[in-house]
Amino acid sequence: MSQWHVIKLELAPIEEFPNGSPGRAFLLRLPLGRDGTIDGARLADAPRSAFVRRFWPNEPDRSGMIFPCTSGWTLAFAGEETGQYCVLEDGPATPGNVLTVRNAAGVRLPFRVLSVKED
């Protein structure tokens, strides 16, 4: 059975940030299976137990909900206009792995899984 975890993602190296960026991060609370993938059935049973927080320099922190979409998992932030969201593409949330987040403009950014802690 899957367990709820808190996952920290940090921007991995890209051209603009060759060493990555600890200030650009996401904190997620999700149910993960043994393989580190999101347990969609468990998330559907308790959608309000999941959350996302986005940390970005020079911008207020944003928080919101997580739900499935055709290409992964939608990260919908409270107070944002319709269509202003990110998509976390499918992949195992295991330390050291890189997951891709696509913003509302379609820009795909790599985020390294920094930590995964059982909650």
Protein backbone atom coordinates (compact mmCIF):
# COMPACT_ATOMS: atom_id res chain seq x y z
CA MET A 1 0.00 0.00 0.00
CA SER A 2 1.21 3.49 -0.77
CA GLN A 3 2.17 5.99 1.91
CA TRP A 4 1.92 9.77 2.00
CA HIS A 5 5.23 11.56 1.50
CA VAL A 6 6.57 15.09 1.43
CA ILE A 7 8.78 15.59 -1.63
CA LYS A 8 11.15 18.52 -2.18
CA LEU A 9 12.06 19.42 -5.76
CA GLU A 10 14.80 21.91 -6.62
CA LEU A 11 15.56 23.41 -10.04
CA ALA A 12 18.21 21.24 -11.71
CA PRO A 13 20.99 22.74 -13.86
CA ILE A 14 19.81 24.61 -16.96
CA GLU A 15 21.56 27.14 -19.21
CA GLU A 16 20.47 30.11 -17.09
CA PHE A 17 21.42 28.33 -13.85
CA PRO A 18 24.33 25.94 -14.59
CA ASN A 19 24.44 24.84 -10.92
CA GLY A 20 20.68 24.64 -10.54
CA SER A 21 18.82 26.94 -8.18
CA PRO A 22 17.93 26.06 -4.56
CA GLY A 23 15.69 29.15 -4.45
CA ARG A 24 13.42 27.71 -7.14
CA ALA A 25 11.67 24.79 -5.54
CA PHE A 26 8.46 22.87 -5.03
CA LEU A 27 7.26 21.07 -1.91
CA LEU A 28 4.67 18.37 -2.61
CA ARG A 29 2.63 16.09 -0.36
CA LEU A 30 1.54 13.02 -2.29
CA PRO A 31 0.87 9.30 -1.87
CA LEU A 32 3.71 7.31 -3.43
CA GLY A 33 3.90 3.63 -4.27
CA ARG A 34 7.01 1.56 -3.51
CA ASP A 35 8.46 2.52 -6.90
CA GLY A 36 8.16 6.25 -6.12
CA THR A 37 5.31 6.95 -8.54
CA ILE A 38 2.19 8.82 -7.50
CA ASP A 39 -0.66 6.54 -6.41
CA GLY A 40 -3.53 8.11 -8.36
CA ALA A 41 -6.22 5.97 -6.70
CA ARG A 42 -5.12 6.97 -3.20
CA LEU A 43 -4.88 10.61 -4.28
CA ALA A 44 -8.43 10.40 -5.71
CA ASP A 45 -9.66 9.03 -2.36
CA ALA A 46 -8.20 11.96 -0.40
CA PRO A 47 -7.49 14.87 -2.80
CA ARG A 48 -7.46 17.48 -0.02
CA SER A 49 -4.62 15.62 1.71
CA ALA A 50 -2.30 16.49 -1.18
CA PHE A 51 -0.71 19.91 -1.60
CA VAL A 52 1.89 21.83 -3.55
CA ARG A 53 3.91 24.87 -2.50
CA ARG A 54 6.04 26.78 -4.97
CA PHE A 55 9.01 28.85 -3.81
CA TRP A 56 10.54 31.36 -6.23
CA PRO A 57 12.87 34.30 -5.56
CA ASN A 58 11.28 37.74 -5.65
CA GLU A 59 7.76 36.25 -5.81
CA PRO A 60 5.34 35.34 -3.06
CA ASP A 61 5.13 31.65 -2.22
CA ARG A 62 2.19 29.96 -3.91
CA SER A 63 0.23 26.97 -2.68
CA GLY A 64 -2.45 24.82 -4.18
CA MET A 65 -3.80 21.40 -5.07
CA ILE A 66 -2.66 18.47 -7.21
CA PHE A 67 -4.88 16.45 -9.52
CA PRO A 68 -4.43 14.16 -12.55
CA CYS A 69 -4.39 15.37 -16.15
CA THR A 70 -3.62 13.71 -19.48
CA SER A 71 0.12 14.36 -19.36
CA GLY A 72 0.83 13.92 -15.65
CA TRP A 73 -0.31 15.90 -12.62
CA THR A 74 -1.71 19.43 -12.59
CA LEU A 75 -0.35 21.75 -9.92
CA ALA A 76 -3.15 24.32 -9.53
CA PHE A 77 -2.34 27.32 -7.37
CA ALA A 78 -4.88 29.15 -5.21
CA GLY A 79 -5.86 32.59 -6.44
CA GLU A 80 -4.47 32.04 -9.94
CA GLU A 81 -6.49 32.75 -13.05
CA THR A 82 -7.87 29.82 -15.01
CA GLY A 83 -5.08 28.32 -17.11
CA GLN A 84 -2.32 29.47 -14.77
CA TYR A 85 -0.90 26.18 -13.58
CA CYS A 86 2.03 23.82 -13.90
CA VAL A 87 2.12 20.18 -14.94
CA LEU A 88 4.36 17.69 -13.16
CA GLU A 89 5.15 15.02 -15.74
CA ASP A 90 5.01 11.37 -14.68
CA GLY A 91 8.12 9.79 -13.20
CA PRO A 92 9.32 8.28 -9.94
CA ALA A 93 9.87 10.72 -7.08
CA THR A 94 13.05 9.14 -5.78
CA PRO A 95 16.02 11.12 -4.39
CA GLY A 96 18.38 12.20 -7.16
CA ASN A 97 15.85 11.58 -9.95
CA VAL A 98 14.92 14.50 -12.20
CA LEU A 99 11.26 15.31 -12.84
CA THR A 100 9.98 17.77 -15.41
CA VAL A 101 7.59 20.59 -14.59
CA ARG A 102 5.90 22.41 -17.48
CA ASN A 103 4.58 25.89 -16.68
CA ALA A 104 1.46 27.53 -18.13
CA ALA A 105 3.53 28.99 -20.99
CA GLY A 106 4.65 25.47 -21.96
CA VAL A 107 8.26 25.89 -20.79
CA ARG A 108 9.62 22.59 -19.44
CA LEU A 109 12.06 22.80 -16.53
CA PRO A 110 13.96 19.94 -14.84
CA PHE A 111 13.64 19.59 -11.08
CA ARG A 112 15.86 17.29 -9.03
CA VAL A 113 14.18 15.30 -6.27
CA LEU A 114 16.11 16.56 -3.27
CA SER A 115 14.30 14.60 -0.57
CA VAL A 116 11.38 12.25 0.01
CA LYS A 117 10.13 11.87 3.59
CA GLU A 118 7.29 9.70 4.81
CA ASP A 119 4.55 11.85 6.32
